[in-house]
Amino acid sequence: MEYQIKNNFQRQIHNIILIHVARTWERIRIKQPYEEMPLDNIASTDAIEEIAYEIYKTDLIQDFIQIKDGSLWNRYGDGMSDTYIERIATEIIEEHYL
């Protein structure tokens, strides 16, 4: 996977997204104690990174990177970046990994 992350600010945003995706993945994993996630711990790192990059590429994140205005999060009713990121991560995980 080729990443189009050009500067330190963009890298920081991607890293924040990556952390929230990993936390979301772990929350979902813990909620199903008698079922395994479809990927083992090693393979899940690739999936988490791919999910983070998909979220990074969303219009909302790209808009935020361009104008750096936190009021953008309200556009989708989430109110905060972490809520938006975790909501999108959950949708992607449930649709493609469970």
C-alpha atoms as a PDB file:
ATOM      1  CA  MET A   1       0.000   0.000   0.000  1.00  0.00           C
ATOM      2  CA  GLU A   2       1.405   3.357  -0.999  1.00  0.00           C
ATOM      3  CA  TYR A   3       0.700   6.179   1.409  1.00  0.00           C
ATOM      4  CA  GLN A   4       0.255   9.744   0.246  1.00  0.00           C
ATOM      5  CA  ILE A   5       1.224  11.418   3.508  1.00  0.00           C
ATOM      6  CA  LYS A   6       3.407  14.400   2.726  1.00  0.00           C
ATOM      7  CA  ASN A   7       4.285  16.284   5.873  1.00  0.00           C
ATOM      8  CA  ASN A   8       4.567  16.010   9.639  1.00  0.00           C
ATOM      9  CA  PHE A   9       1.067  17.372  10.353  1.00  0.00           C
ATOM     10  CA  GLN A  10      -0.468  14.823   8.002  1.00  0.00           C
ATOM     11  CA  ARG A  11       1.621  12.058   9.601  1.00  0.00           C
ATOM     12  CA  GLN A  12       0.389  13.128  13.047  1.00  0.00           C
ATOM     13  CA  ILE A  13      -3.235  13.011  11.880  1.00  0.00           C
ATOM     14  CA  HIS A  14      -2.666   9.567  10.363  1.00  0.00           C
ATOM     15  CA  ASN A  15      -1.071   8.353  13.616  1.00  0.00           C
ATOM     16  CA  ILE A  16      -4.022   9.621  15.652  1.00  0.00           C
ATOM     17  CA  ILE A  17      -6.379   7.781  13.316  1.00  0.00           C
ATOM     18  CA  LEU A  18      -4.223   4.653  13.571  1.00  0.00           C
ATOM     19  CA  ILE A  19      -4.439   4.703  17.372  1.00  0.00           C
ATOM     20  CA  HIS A  20      -8.230   5.080  17.325  1.00  0.00           C
ATOM     21  CA  VAL A  21      -8.622   2.279  14.787  1.00  0.00           C
ATOM     22  CA  ALA A  22      -6.467  -0.045  16.908  1.00  0.00           C
ATOM     23  CA  ARG A  23      -8.525   0.800  19.992  1.00  0.00           C
ATOM     24  CA  THR A  24     -11.743   0.194  18.085  1.00  0.00           C
ATOM     25  CA  TRP A  25     -10.434  -3.145  16.772  1.00  0.00           C
ATOM     26  CA  GLU A  26      -9.548  -4.208  20.312  1.00  0.00           C
ATOM     27  CA  ARG A  27     -12.945  -3.153  21.719  1.00  0.00           C
ATOM     28  CA  ILE A  28     -14.699  -5.242  19.076  1.00  0.00           C
ATOM     29  CA  ARG A  29     -12.372  -8.191  19.738  1.00  0.00           C
ATOM     30  CA  ILE A  30     -13.037  -8.092  23.484  1.00  0.00           C
ATOM     31  CA  LYS A  31     -16.822  -8.050  22.956  1.00  0.00           C
ATOM     32  CA  GLN A  32     -16.688 -11.468  21.306  1.00  0.00           C
ATOM     33  CA  PRO A  33     -14.727 -13.563  23.821  1.00  0.00           C
ATOM     34  CA  TYR A  34     -15.658 -16.948  22.344  1.00  0.00           C
ATOM     35  CA  GLU A  35     -15.104 -15.930  18.733  1.00  0.00           C
ATOM     36  CA  GLU A  36     -11.793 -15.121  17.132  1.00  0.00           C
ATOM     37  CA  MET A  37     -11.313 -12.089  14.970  1.00  0.00           C
ATOM     38  CA  PRO A  38     -10.902 -13.184  11.353  1.00  0.00           C
ATOM     39  CA  LEU A  39      -7.233 -12.160  11.426  1.00  0.00           C
ATOM     40  CA  ASP A  40      -4.629 -13.179  13.979  1.00  0.00           C
ATOM     41  CA  ASN A  41      -2.661 -10.575  15.905  1.00  0.00           C
ATOM     42  CA  ILE A  42       0.101 -10.314  13.314  1.00  0.00           C
ATOM     43  CA  ALA A  43      -2.215 -10.054  10.289  1.00  0.00           C
ATOM     44  CA  SER A  44      -4.502  -7.642  12.121  1.00  0.00           C
ATOM     45  CA  THR A  45      -1.766  -5.004  12.109  1.00  0.00           C
ATOM     46  CA  ASP A  46      -1.986  -4.814   8.316  1.00  0.00           C
ATOM     47  CA  ALA A  47      -5.778  -4.567   8.470  1.00  0.00           C
ATOM     48  CA  ILE A  48      -5.654  -1.845  11.116  1.00  0.00           C
ATOM     49  CA  GLU A  49      -3.198   0.145   9.036  1.00  0.00           C
ATOM     50  CA  GLU A  50      -5.366  -0.232   5.916  1.00  0.00           C
ATOM     51  CA  ILE A  51      -8.488   0.864   7.791  1.00  0.00           C
ATOM     52  CA  ALA A  52      -6.646   3.886   9.206  1.00  0.00           C
ATOM     53  CA  TYR A  53      -5.529   4.933   5.752  1.00  0.00           C
ATOM     54  CA  GLU A  54      -9.074   4.556   4.370  1.00  0.00           C
ATOM     55  CA  ILE A  55     -10.320   6.876   7.107  1.00  0.00           C
ATOM     56  CA  TYR A  56      -7.404   9.247   6.496  1.00  0.00           C
ATOM     57  CA  LYS A  57      -8.498   9.550   2.858  1.00  0.00           C
ATOM     58  CA  THR A  58     -12.115  10.486   3.703  1.00  0.00           C
ATOM     59  CA  ASP A  59     -13.310  13.896   2.604  1.00  0.00           C
ATOM     60  CA  LEU A  60     -13.810  15.061   6.183  1.00  0.00           C
ATOM     61  CA  ILE A  61     -10.255  14.240   7.240  1.00  0.00           C
ATOM     62  CA  GLN A  62      -8.829  15.772   4.077  1.00  0.00           C
ATOM     63  CA  ASP A  63     -10.898  18.917   4.661  1.00  0.00           C
ATOM     64  CA  PHE A  64      -9.588  19.099   8.225  1.00  0.00           C
ATOM     65  CA  ILE A  65      -5.991  18.732   7.007  1.00  0.00           C
ATOM     66  CA  GLN A  66      -6.525  21.606   4.577  1.00  0.00           C
ATOM     67  CA  ILE A  67      -8.319  24.119   6.780  1.00  0.00           C
ATOM     68  CA  LYS A  68      -7.492  22.871  10.310  1.00  0.00           C
ATOM     69  CA  ASP A  69     -10.920  23.848  11.637  1.00  0.00           C
ATOM     70  CA  GLY A  70     -12.316  21.579  14.344  1.00  0.00           C
ATOM     71  CA  SER A  71     -15.907  22.635  13.643  1.00  0.00           C
ATOM     72  CA  LEU A  72     -15.805  20.288  10.641  1.00  0.00           C
ATOM     73  CA  TRP A  73     -16.514  17.331  12.922  1.00  0.00           C
ATOM     74  CA  ASN A  74     -20.048  18.611  13.420  1.00  0.00           C
ATOM     75  CA  ARG A  75     -20.754  18.099   9.715  1.00  0.00           C
ATOM     76  CA  TYR A  76     -21.442  14.418  10.384  1.00  0.00           C
ATOM     77  CA  GLY A  77     -23.045  14.854  13.780  1.00  0.00           C
ATOM     78  CA  ASP A  78     -20.213  13.232  15.694  1.00  0.00           C
ATOM     79  CA  GLY A  79     -19.029  16.413  17.361  1.00  0.00           C
ATOM     80  CA  MET A  80     -15.444  15.246  17.835  1.00  0.00           C
ATOM     81  CA  SER A  81     -12.725  13.661  15.743  1.00  0.00           C
ATOM     82  CA  ASP A  82     -12.322  10.545  17.892  1.00  0.00           C
ATOM     83  CA  THR A  83     -16.039   9.765  17.683  1.00  0.00           C
ATOM     84  CA  TYR A  84     -15.995  10.170  13.902  1.00  0.00           C
ATOM     85  CA  ILE A  85     -12.895   8.016  13.493  1.00  0.00           C
ATOM     86  CA  GLU A  86     -14.175   5.250  15.752  1.00  0.00           C
ATOM     87  CA  ARG A  87     -17.599   5.257  14.075  1.00  0.00           C
ATOM     88  CA  ILE A  88     -16.088   4.886  10.610  1.00  0.00           C
ATOM     89  CA  ALA A  89     -13.607   2.252  11.872  1.00  0.00           C
ATOM     90  CA  THR A  90     -16.452   0.233  13.390  1.00  0.00           C
ATOM     91  CA  GLU A  91     -18.406   0.392  10.134  1.00  0.00           C
ATOM     92  CA  ILE A  92     -15.400  -0.786   8.103  1.00  0.00           C
ATOM     93  CA  ILE A  93     -14.512  -3.580  10.558  1.00  0.00           C
ATOM     94  CA  GLU A  94     -18.080  -4.860  10.746  1.00  0.00           C
ATOM     95  CA  GLU A  95     -18.533  -4.731   6.984  1.00  0.00           C
ATOM     96  CA  HIS A  96     -15.202  -6.196   5.883  1.00  0.00           C
ATOM     97  CA  TYR A  97     -13.698  -8.147   8.797  1.00  0.00           C
ATOM     98  CA  LEU A  98     -16.509  -9.797  10.753  1.00  0.00           C
END
